[in-house]
PDB file of N, CA and C in Angstrom:
ATOM      1  N   MET A   1      -5.732 133.276  57.469  1.00  0.00           N
ATOM      2  CA  MET A   1      -4.375 133.756  57.266  1.00  0.00           C
ATOM      3  C   MET A   1      -3.456 132.555  57.077  1.00  0.00           C
ATOM      4  N   ASN A   2      -2.688 132.570  56.020  1.00  0.00           N
ATOM      5  CA  ASN A   2      -1.760 131.490  55.736  1.00  0.00           C
ATOM      6  C   ASN A   2      -0.408 131.788  56.348  1.00  0.00           C
ATOM      7  N   GLN A   3       0.091 130.792  57.077  1.00  0.00           N
ATOM      8  CA  GLN A   3       1.416 130.915  57.649  1.00  0.00           C
ATOM      9  C   GLN A   3       2.366 130.037  56.861  1.00  0.00           C
ATOM     10  N   SER A   4       3.590 130.483  56.711  1.00  0.00           N
ATOM     11  CA  SER A   4       4.593 129.630  56.106  1.00  0.00           C
ATOM     12  C   SER A   4       5.023 128.595  57.137  1.00  0.00           C
ATOM     13  N   LEU A   5       5.740 127.593  56.681  1.00  0.00           N
ATOM     14  CA  LEU A   5       6.214 126.545  57.594  1.00  0.00           C
ATOM     15  C   LEU A   5       7.130 127.131  58.658  1.00  0.00           C
ATOM     16  N   GLY A   6       7.991 128.072  58.255  1.00  0.00           N
ATOM     17  CA  GLY A   6       8.895 128.705  59.217  1.00  0.00           C
ATOM     18  C   GLY A   6       8.157 129.482  60.287  1.00  0.00           C
ATOM     19  N   GLN A   7       7.132 130.212  59.885  1.00  0.00           N
ATOM     20  CA  GLN A   7       6.340 130.963  60.851  1.00  0.00           C
ATOM     21  C   GLN A   7       5.602 130.025  61.796  1.00  0.00           C
ATOM     22  N   ALA A   8       5.079 128.935  61.261  1.00  0.00           N
ATOM     23  CA  ALA A   8       4.383 127.965  62.110  1.00  0.00           C
ATOM     24  C   ALA A   8       5.344 127.317  63.092  1.00  0.00           C
ATOM     25  N   LEU A   9       6.558 126.997  62.643  1.00  0.00           N
ATOM     26  CA  LEU A   9       7.554 126.410  63.546  1.00  0.00           C
ATOM     27  C   LEU A   9       7.901 127.364  64.679  1.00  0.00           C
ATOM     28  N   ILE A  10       8.074 128.639  64.346  1.00  0.00           N
ATOM     29  CA  ILE A  10       8.390 129.624  65.380  1.00  0.00           C
ATOM     30  C   ILE A  10       7.225 129.760  66.354  1.00  0.00           C
ATOM     31  N   THR A  11       6.010 129.864  65.820  1.00  0.00           N
ATOM     32  CA  THR A  11       4.838 130.091  66.661  1.00  0.00           C
ATOM     33  C   THR A  11       4.526 128.901  67.552  1.00  0.00           C
ATOM     34  N   TYR A  12       4.594 127.709  67.011  1.00  0.00           N
ATOM     35  CA  TYR A  12       4.107 126.538  67.740  1.00  0.00           C
ATOM     36  C   TYR A  12       5.201 125.646  68.300  1.00  0.00           C
ATOM     37  N   PHE A  13       6.461 125.899  67.963  1.00  0.00           N
ATOM     38  CA  PHE A  13       7.510 125.015  68.444  1.00  0.00           C
ATOM     39  C   PHE A  13       8.645 125.775  69.126  1.00  0.00           C
ATOM     40  N   VAL A  14       9.289 126.671  68.416  1.00  0.00           N
ATOM     41  CA  VAL A  14      10.492 127.330  68.936  1.00  0.00           C
ATOM     42  C   VAL A  14      10.169 128.227  70.125  1.00  0.00           C
ATOM     43  N   ASP A  15       9.196 129.112  69.980  1.00  0.00           N
ATOM     44  CA  ASP A  15       8.868 130.041  71.063  1.00  0.00           C
ATOM     45  C   ASP A  15       8.395 129.318  72.332  1.00  0.00           C
ATOM     46  N   PRO A  16       7.492 128.320  72.237  1.00  0.00           N
ATOM     47  CA  PRO A  16       7.110 127.608  73.469  1.00  0.00           C
ATOM     48  C   PRO A  16       8.265 126.851  74.121  1.00  0.00           C
ATOM     49  N   ILE A  17       9.163 126.281  73.312  1.00  0.00           N
ATOM     50  CA  ILE A  17      10.327 125.578  73.871  1.00  0.00           C
ATOM     51  C   ILE A  17      11.224 126.568  74.611  1.00  0.00           C
ATOM     52  N   LEU A  18      11.455 127.735  74.028  1.00  0.00           N
ATOM     53  CA  LEU A  18      12.275 128.747  74.699  1.00  0.00           C
ATOM     54  C   LEU A  18      11.610 129.234  75.981  1.00  0.00           C
ATOM     55  N   PHE A  19      10.283 129.366  75.966  1.00  0.00           N
ATOM     56  CA  PHE A  19       9.569 129.778  77.175  1.00  0.00           C
ATOM     57  C   PHE A  19       9.700 128.716  78.271  1.00  0.00           C
ATOM     58  N   LEU A  20       9.554 127.447  77.911  1.00  0.00           N
ATOM     59  CA  LEU A  20       9.713 126.373  78.904  1.00  0.00           C
ATOM     60  C   LEU A  20      11.135 126.343  79.450  1.00  0.00           C
ATOM     61  N   PHE A  21      12.114 126.577  78.587  1.00  0.00           N
ATOM     62  CA  PHE A  21      13.496 126.616  79.049  1.00  0.00           C
ATOM     63  C   PHE A  21      13.708 127.785  80.014  1.00  0.00           C
ATOM     64  N   TYR A  22      13.071 128.907  79.735  1.00  0.00           N
ATOM     65  CA  TYR A  22      13.103 130.069  80.624  1.00  0.00           C
ATOM     66  C   TYR A  22      12.567 129.683  82.011  1.00  0.00           C
ATOM     67  N   ILE A  23      11.439 128.977  82.038  1.00  0.00           N
ATOM     68  CA  ILE A  23      10.840 128.528  83.301  1.00  0.00           C
ATOM     69  C   ILE A  23      11.770 127.568  84.031  1.00  0.00           C
ATOM     70  N   VAL A  24      12.414 126.652  83.305  1.00  0.00           N
ATOM     71  CA  VAL A  24      13.335 125.695  83.925  1.00  0.00           C
ATOM     72  C   VAL A  24      14.520 126.426  84.559  1.00  0.00           C
ATOM     73  N   ILE A  25      15.022 127.450  83.891  1.00  0.00           N
ATOM     74  CA  ILE A  25      16.140 128.221  84.449  1.00  0.00           C
ATOM     75  C   ILE A  25      15.713 128.915  85.739  1.00  0.00           C
ATOM     76  N   ILE A  26      14.555 129.539  85.736  1.00  0.00           N
ATOM     77  CA  ILE A  26      14.062 130.210  86.945  1.00  0.00           C
ATOM     78  C   ILE A  26      13.837 129.192  88.065  1.00  0.00           C
ATOM     79  N   LEU A  27      13.283 128.040  87.727  1.00  0.00           N
ATOM     80  CA  LEU A  27      13.086 126.985  88.727  1.00  0.00           C
ATOM     81  C   LEU A  27      14.423 126.542  89.309  1.00  0.00           C
ATOM     82  N   GLY A  28      15.425 126.398  88.454  1.00  0.00           N
ATOM     83  CA  GLY A  28      16.756 126.024  88.931  1.00  0.00           C
ATOM     84  C   GLY A  28      17.365 127.066  89.849  1.00  0.00           C
ATOM     85  N   ILE A  29      17.166 128.340  89.521  1.00  0.00           N
ATOM     86  CA  ILE A  29      17.679 129.426  90.364  1.00  0.00           C
ATOM     87  C   ILE A  29      17.010 129.386  91.734  1.00  0.00           C
ATOM     88  N   ILE A  30      15.699 129.296  91.740  1.00  0.00           N
ATOM     89  CA  ILE A  30      14.960 129.274  93.007  1.00  0.00           C
ATOM     90  C   ILE A  30      15.342 128.050  93.829  1.00  0.00           C
ATOM     91  N   LEU A  31      15.446 126.902  93.165  1.00  0.00           N
ATOM     92  CA  LEU A  31      15.804 125.678  93.884  1.00  0.00           C
ATOM     93  C   LEU A  31      17.214 125.770  94.453  1.00  0.00           C
ATOM     94  N   SER A  32      18.139 126.383  93.718  1.00  0.00           N
ATOM     95  CA  SER A  32      19.500 126.518  94.250  1.00  0.00           C
ATOM     96  C   SER A  32      19.517 127.411  95.487  1.00  0.00           C
ATOM     97  N   TRP A  33      18.700 128.476  95.482  1.00  0.00           N
ATOM     98  CA  TRP A  33      18.601 129.308  96.686  1.00  0.00           C
ATOM     99  C   TRP A  33      18.035 128.517  97.854  1.00  0.00           C
ATOM    100  N   LEU A  34      16.969 127.761  97.602  1.00  0.00           N
ATOM    101  CA  LEU A  34      16.341 126.983  98.669  1.00  0.00           C
ATOM    102  C   LEU A  34      17.289 125.932  99.235  1.00  0.00           C
ATOM    103  N   VAL A  35      18.097 125.319  98.384  1.00  0.00           N
ATOM    104  CA  VAL A  35      19.069 124.330  98.855  1.00  0.00           C
ATOM    105  C   VAL A  35      20.186 125.021  99.633  1.00  0.00           C
ATOM    106  N   ASN A  36      20.690 126.133  99.120  1.00  0.00           N
ATOM    107  CA  ASN A  36      21.800 126.828  99.780  1.00  0.00           C
ATOM    108  C   ASN A  36      21.413 127.420 101.131  1.00  0.00           C
ATOM    109  N   PHE A  37      20.162 127.807 101.291  1.00  0.00           N
ATOM    110  CA  PHE A  37      19.705 128.356 102.571  1.00  0.00           C
ATOM    111  C   PHE A  37      19.049 127.303 103.460  1.00  0.00           C
ATOM    112  N   ASN A  38      19.238 126.032 103.105  1.00  0.00           N
ATOM    113  CA  ASN A  38      18.741 124.886 103.885  1.00  0.00           C
ATOM    114  C   ASN A  38      17.234 124.920 104.117  1.00  0.00           C
ATOM    115  N   VAL A  39      16.496 125.439 103.151  1.00  0.00           N
ATOM    116  CA  VAL A  39      15.036 125.403 103.227  1.00  0.00           C
ATOM    117  C   VAL A  39      14.547 124.034 102.777  1.00  0.00           C
ATOM    118  N   VAL A  40      15.182 123.500 101.722  1.00  0.00           N
ATOM    119  CA  VAL A  40      14.893 122.142 101.267  1.00  0.00           C
ATOM    120  C   VAL A  40      16.200 121.367 101.258  1.00  0.00           C
ATOM    121  N   ASN A  41      16.076 120.060 101.284  1.00  0.00           N
ATOM    122  CA  ASN A  41      17.232 119.184 101.358  1.00  0.00           C
ATOM    123  C   ASN A  41      17.255 118.289 100.133  1.00  0.00           C
ATOM    124  N   THR A  42      18.428 118.146  99.526  1.00  0.00           N
ATOM    125  CA  THR A  42      18.523 117.323  98.326  1.00  0.00           C
ATOM    126  C   THR A  42      18.435 115.834  98.631  1.00  0.00           C
ATOM    127  N   SER A  43      18.409 115.468  99.882  1.00  0.00           N
ATOM    128  CA  SER A  43      18.195 114.056 100.199  1.00  0.00           C
ATOM    129  C   SER A  43      16.724 113.672 100.020  1.00  0.00           C
ATOM    130  N   ASN A  44      15.846 114.663  99.943  1.00  0.00           N
ATOM    131  CA  ASN A  44      14.449 114.417  99.606  1.00  0.00           C
ATOM    132  C   ASN A  44      14.402 113.972  98.149  1.00  0.00           C
ATOM    133  N   GLN A  45      13.701 112.873  97.872  1.00  0.00           N
ATOM    134  CA  GLN A  45      13.703 112.288  96.536  1.00  0.00           C
ATOM    135  C   GLN A  45      13.115 113.242  95.482  1.00  0.00           C
ATOM    136  N   LEU A  46      12.040 113.924  95.795  1.00  0.00           N
ATOM    137  CA  LEU A  46      11.424 114.849  94.840  1.00  0.00           C
ATOM    138  C   LEU A  46      12.345 116.035  94.563  1.00  0.00           C
ATOM    139  N   VAL A  47      12.918 116.598  95.603  1.00  0.00           N
ATOM    140  CA  VAL A  47      13.833 117.730  95.443  1.00  0.00           C
ATOM    141  C   VAL A  47      15.049 117.299  94.617  1.00  0.00           C
ATOM    142  N   SER A  48      15.574 116.119  94.918  1.00  0.00           N
ATOM    143  CA  SER A  48      16.726 115.605  94.193  1.00  0.00           C
ATOM    144  C   SER A  48      16.406 115.393  92.720  1.00  0.00           C
ATOM    145  N   MET A  49      15.225 114.887  92.425  1.00  0.00           N
ATOM    146  CA  MET A  49      14.826 114.656  91.040  1.00  0.00           C
ATOM    147  C   MET A  49      14.705 115.980  90.280  1.00  0.00           C
ATOM    148  N   ILE A  50      14.065 116.969  90.885  1.00  0.00           N
ATOM    149  CA  ILE A  50      13.912 118.276  90.243  1.00  0.00           C
ATOM    150  C   ILE A  50      15.279 118.937  90.070  1.00  0.00           C
ATOM    151  N   TRP A  51      16.134 118.800  91.080  1.00  0.00           N
ATOM    152  CA  TRP A  51      17.471 119.378  91.021  1.00  0.00           C
ATOM    153  C   TRP A  51      18.263 118.772  89.855  1.00  0.00           C
ATOM    154  N   ARG A  52      18.244 117.454  89.733  1.00  0.00           N
ATOM    155  CA  ARG A  52      18.965 116.783  88.647  1.00  0.00           C
ATOM    156  C   ARG A  52      18.395 117.172  87.287  1.00  0.00           C
ATOM    157  N   LEU A  53      17.075 117.270  87.195  1.00  0.00           N
ATOM    158  CA  LEU A  53      16.440 117.638  85.931  1.00  0.00           C
ATOM    159  C   LEU A  53      16.828 119.045  85.495  1.00  0.00           C
ATOM    160  N   THR A  54      16.695 120.001  86.398  1.00  0.00           N
ATOM    161  CA  THR A  54      17.039 121.381  86.028  1.00  0.00           C
ATOM    162  C   THR A  54      18.535 121.501  85.735  1.00  0.00           C
ATOM    163  N   HIS A  55      19.352 120.808  86.500  1.00  0.00           N
ATOM    164  CA  HIS A  55      20.798 120.867  86.290  1.00  0.00           C
ATOM    165  C   HIS A  55      21.181 120.249  84.947  1.00  0.00           C
ATOM    166  N   SER A  56      20.594 119.111  84.611  1.00  0.00           N
ATOM    167  CA  SER A  56      20.948 118.449  83.346  1.00  0.00           C
ATOM    168  C   SER A  56      20.448 119.232  82.136  1.00  0.00           C
ATOM    169  N   LEU A  57      19.351 119.975  82.285  1.00  0.00           N
ATOM    170  CA  LEU A  57      18.845 120.764  81.165  1.00  0.00           C
ATOM    171  C   LEU A  57      19.588 122.085  80.982  1.00  0.00           C
ATOM    172  N   THR A  58      19.998 122.694  82.065  1.00  0.00           N
ATOM    173  CA  THR A  58      20.603 124.030  81.968  1.00  0.00           C
ATOM    174  C   THR A  58      22.130 124.018  81.926  1.00  0.00           C
ATOM    175  N   GLU A  59      22.755 123.041  82.517  1.00  0.00           N
ATOM    176  CA  GLU A  59      24.210 123.042  82.629  1.00  0.00           C
ATOM    177  C   GLU A  59      24.931 123.063  81.280  1.00  0.00           C
ATOM    178  N   PRO A  60      24.482 122.330  80.255  1.00  0.00           N
ATOM    179  CA  PRO A  60      25.194 122.424  78.967  1.00  0.00           C
ATOM    180  C   PRO A  60      25.184 123.827  78.364  1.00  0.00           C
ATOM    181  N   VAL A  61      24.186 124.626  78.665  1.00  0.00           N
ATOM    182  CA  VAL A  61      24.124 125.992  78.135  1.00  0.00           C
ATOM    183  C   VAL A  61      24.850 126.961  79.065  1.00  0.00           C
ATOM    184  N   LEU A  62      24.804 126.698  80.359  1.00  0.00           N
ATOM    185  CA  LEU A  62      25.442 127.600  81.320  1.00  0.00           C
ATOM    186  C   LEU A  62      26.963 127.430  81.361  1.00  0.00           C
ATOM    187  N   ARG A  63      27.461 126.247  81.076  1.00  0.00           N
ATOM    188  CA  ARG A  63      28.901 125.984  81.170  1.00  0.00           C
ATOM    189  C   ARG A  63      29.730 126.923  80.287  1.00  0.00           C
ATOM    190  N   PRO A  64      29.373 127.125  79.003  1.00  0.00           N
ATOM    191  CA  PRO A  64      30.173 128.076  78.209  1.00  0.00           C
ATOM    192  C   PRO A  64      30.096 129.514  78.721  1.00  0.00           C
ATOM    193  N   ILE A  65      28.952 129.887  79.261  1.00  0.00           N
ATOM    194  CA  ILE A  65      28.822 131.237  79.816  1.00  0.00           C
ATOM    195  C   ILE A  65      29.727 131.378  81.035  1.00  0.00           C
ATOM    196  N   ARG A  66      29.816 130.331  81.852  1.00  0.00           N
ATOM    197  CA  ARG A  66      30.667 130.374  83.056  1.00  0.00           C
ATOM    198  C   ARG A  66      32.144 130.450  82.695  1.00  0.00           C
ATOM    199  N   ARG A  67      32.533 129.887  81.534  1.00  0.00           N
ATOM    200  CA  ARG A  67      33.929 129.991  81.107  1.00  0.00           C
ATOM    201  C   ARG A  67      34.287 131.440  80.785  1.00  0.00           C
ATOM    202  N   VAL A  68      33.337 132.170  80.222  1.00  0.00           N
ATOM    203  CA  VAL A  68      33.576 133.575  79.872  1.00  0.00           C
ATOM    204  C   VAL A  68      33.360 134.481  81.073  1.00  0.00           C
ATOM    205  N   LEU A  69      32.336 134.191  81.876  1.00  0.00           N
ATOM    206  CA  LEU A  69      31.974 135.021  83.018  1.00  0.00           C
ATOM    207  C   LEU A  69      32.061 134.182  84.302  1.00  0.00           C
ATOM    208  N   PRO A  70      33.242 134.143  84.939  1.00  0.00           N
ATOM    209  CA  PRO A  70      33.365 133.351  86.164  1.00  0.00           C
ATOM    210  C   PRO A  70      32.564 133.991  87.302  1.00  0.00           C
ATOM    211  N   PRO A  71      32.334 133.238  88.375  1.00  0.00           N
ATOM    212  CA  PRO A  71      31.614 133.814  89.518  1.00  0.00           C
ATOM    213  C   PRO A  71      32.319 135.074  90.043  1.00  0.00           C
ATOM    214  N   ILE A  72      31.519 136.075  90.326  1.00  0.00           N
ATOM    215  CA  ILE A  72      32.047 137.340  90.821  1.00  0.00           C
ATOM    216  C   ILE A  72      31.625 137.485  92.279  1.00  0.00           C
ATOM    217  N   GLY A  73      32.590 137.504  93.170  1.00  0.00           N
ATOM    218  CA  GLY A  73      32.288 137.622  94.591  1.00  0.00           C
ATOM    219  C   GLY A  73      31.463 136.454  95.110  1.00  0.00           C
ATOM    220  N   GLY A  74      31.663 135.287  94.544  1.00  0.00           N
ATOM    221  CA  GLY A  74      30.908 134.115  94.967  1.00  0.00           C
ATOM    222  C   GLY A  74      29.526 134.007  94.349  1.00  0.00           C
ATOM    223  N   MET A  75      29.151 134.966  93.513  1.00  0.00           N
ATOM    224  CA  MET A  75      27.833 134.958  92.865  1.00  0.00           C
ATOM    225  C   MET A  75      27.977 134.492  91.428  1.00  0.00           C
ATOM    226  N   ASP A  76      27.123 133.560  91.031  1.00  0.00           N
ATOM    227  CA  ASP A  76      27.122 133.036  89.667  1.00  0.00           C
ATOM    228  C   ASP A  76      26.070 133.799  88.858  1.00  0.00           C
ATOM    229  N   PHE A  77      26.518 134.614  87.926  1.00  0.00           N
ATOM    230  CA  PHE A  77      25.614 135.418  87.119  1.00  0.00           C
ATOM    231  C   PHE A  77      25.277 134.775  85.774  1.00  0.00           C
ATOM    232  N   SER A  78      25.764 133.567  85.543  1.00  0.00           N
ATOM    233  CA  SER A  78      25.513 132.920  84.255  1.00  0.00           C
ATOM    234  C   SER A  78      24.022 132.664  84.004  1.00  0.00           C
ATOM    235  N   PRO A  79      23.216 132.272  84.999  1.00  0.00           N
ATOM    236  CA  PRO A  79      21.777 132.132  84.711  1.00  0.00           C
ATOM    237  C   PRO A  79      21.126 133.456  84.317  1.00  0.00           C
ATOM    238  N   LEU A  80      21.560 134.549  84.912  1.00  0.00           N
ATOM    239  CA  LEU A  80      21.024 135.863  84.560  1.00  0.00           C
ATOM    240  C   LEU A  80      21.366 136.216  83.119  1.00  0.00           C
ATOM    241  N   VAL A  81      22.604 135.935  82.707  1.00  0.00           N
ATOM    242  CA  VAL A  81      23.018 136.189  81.327  1.00  0.00           C
ATOM    243  C   VAL A  81      22.187 135.338  80.372  1.00  0.00           C
ATOM    244  N   LEU A  82      21.960 134.083  80.733  1.00  0.00           N
ATOM    245  CA  LEU A  82      21.158 133.200  79.887  1.00  0.00           C
ATOM    246  C   LEU A  82      19.705 133.671  79.807  1.00  0.00           C
ATOM    247  N   LEU A  83      19.145 134.110  80.921  1.00  0.00           N
ATOM    248  CA  LEU A  83      17.775 134.638  80.900  1.00  0.00           C
ATOM    249  C   LEU A  83      17.672 135.882  80.026  1.00  0.00           C
ATOM    250  N   LEU A  84      18.655 136.761  80.121  1.00  0.00           N
ATOM    251  CA  LEU A  84      18.659 137.954  79.274  1.00  0.00           C
ATOM    252  C   LEU A  84      18.787 137.585  77.800  1.00  0.00           C
ATOM    253  N   ALA A  85      19.611 136.593  77.503  1.00  0.00           N
ATOM    254  CA  ALA A  85      19.755 136.145  76.116  1.00  0.00           C
ATOM    255  C   ALA A  85      18.448 135.554  75.596  1.00  0.00           C
ATOM    256  N   LEU A  86      17.771 134.771  76.423  1.00  0.00           N
ATOM    257  CA  LEU A  86      16.480 134.200  76.013  1.00  0.00           C
ATOM    258  C   LEU A  86      15.436 135.298  75.812  1.00  0.00           C
ATOM    259  N   MET A  87      15.437 136.291  76.682  1.00  0.00           N
ATOM    260  CA  MET A  87      14.503 137.406  76.513  1.00  0.00           C
ATOM    261  C   MET A  87      14.789 138.155  75.213  1.00  0.00           C
ATOM    262  N   PHE A  88      16.051 138.326  74.880  1.00  0.00           N
ATOM    263  CA  PHE A  88      16.414 138.976  73.628  1.00  0.00           C
ATOM    264  C   PHE A  88      15.951 138.147  72.436  1.00  0.00           C
ATOM    265  N   ILE A  89      16.191 136.847  72.483  1.00  0.00           N
ATOM    266  CA  ILE A  89      15.799 135.967  71.381  1.00  0.00           C
ATOM    267  C   ILE A  89      14.286 135.974  71.204  1.00  0.00           C
ATOM    268  N   ARG A  90      13.547 135.815  72.301  1.00  0.00           N
ATOM    269  CA  ARG A  90      12.085 135.747  72.209  1.00  0.00           C
ATOM    270  C   ARG A  90      11.459 137.107  71.903  1.00  0.00           C
ATOM    271  N   GLY A  91      12.024 138.174  72.408  1.00  0.00           N
ATOM    272  CA  GLY A  91      11.403 139.485  72.263  1.00  0.00           C
ATOM    273  C   GLY A  91      11.851 140.278  71.056  1.00  0.00           C
ATOM    274  N   TRP A  92      13.050 140.019  70.557  1.00  0.00           N
ATOM    275  CA  TRP A  92      13.551 140.825  69.459  1.00  0.00           C
ATOM    276  C   TRP A  92      13.860 139.983  68.223  1.00  0.00           C
ATOM    277  N   LEU A  93      14.588 138.882  68.407  1.00  0.00           N
ATOM    278  CA  LEU A  93      15.064 138.107  67.264  1.00  0.00           C
ATOM    279  C   LEU A  93      13.957 137.294  66.597  1.00  0.00           C
ATOM    280  N   LEU A  94      13.198 136.540  67.369  1.00  0.00           N
ATOM    281  CA  LEU A  94      12.139 135.710  66.784  1.00  0.00           C
ATOM    282  C   LEU A  94      11.084 136.523  66.034  1.00  0.00           C
ATOM    283  N   PRO A  95      10.612 137.650  66.567  1.00  0.00           N
ATOM    284  CA  PRO A  95       9.638 138.429  65.781  1.00  0.00           C
ATOM    285  C   PRO A  95      10.197 138.910  64.445  1.00  0.00           C
ATOM    286  N   ARG A  96      11.464 139.258  64.397  1.00  0.00           N
ATOM    287  CA  ARG A  96      12.053 139.712  63.143  1.00  0.00           C
ATOM    288  C   ARG A  96      12.223 138.566  62.155  1.00  0.00           C
ATOM    289  N   ILE A  97      12.570 137.388  62.656  1.00  0.00           N
ATOM    290  CA  ILE A  97      12.641 136.214  61.793  1.00  0.00           C
ATOM    291  C   ILE A  97      11.247 135.862  61.289  1.00  0.00           C
ATOM    292  N   TYR A  98      10.272 135.948  62.174  1.00  0.00           N
ATOM    293  CA  TYR A  98       8.877 135.631  61.811  1.00  0.00           C
ATOM    294  C   TYR A  98       8.389 136.535  60.681  1.00  0.00           C
ATOM    295  N   VAL A  99       8.661 137.824  60.786  1.00  0.00           N
ATOM    296  CA  VAL A  99       8.213 138.773  59.768  1.00  0.00           C
ATOM    297  C   VAL A  99       8.969 138.553  58.456  1.00  0.00           C
ATOM    298  N   ALA A 100      10.245 138.180  58.565  1.00  0.00           N
ATOM    299  CA  ALA A 100      11.046 137.970  57.363  1.00  0.00           C
ATOM    300  C   ALA A 100      10.614 136.733  56.584  1.00  0.00           C
ATOM    301  N   LEU A 101       9.991 135.792  57.263  1.00  0.00           N
ATOM    302  CA  LEU A 101       9.581 134.553  56.566  1.00  0.00           C
ATOM    303  C   LEU A 101       8.353 134.762  55.794  1.00  0.00           C
TER     304      LEU A 101
END
């Protein structure tokens, strides 16, 4: 089966990158809970490194969402909105682009 360049890019590059970003967001959410409930401490070098990594990767995408959707009752729903957007892109948009190519 011959794939076009666009289909190959989606299959082997775009979709895996979006999946890894999805995992990073979930890791950031879990780590924020663990830090907030004092299960782990950011003074630990490994925890601090993971915290900085997830924060630096997700914050540029979460910041615009937070401007539109501020915290409600002290809860930040921007990661949930981003996860839903990624699920929409991976589950609905990418397959339609793939078929169109």
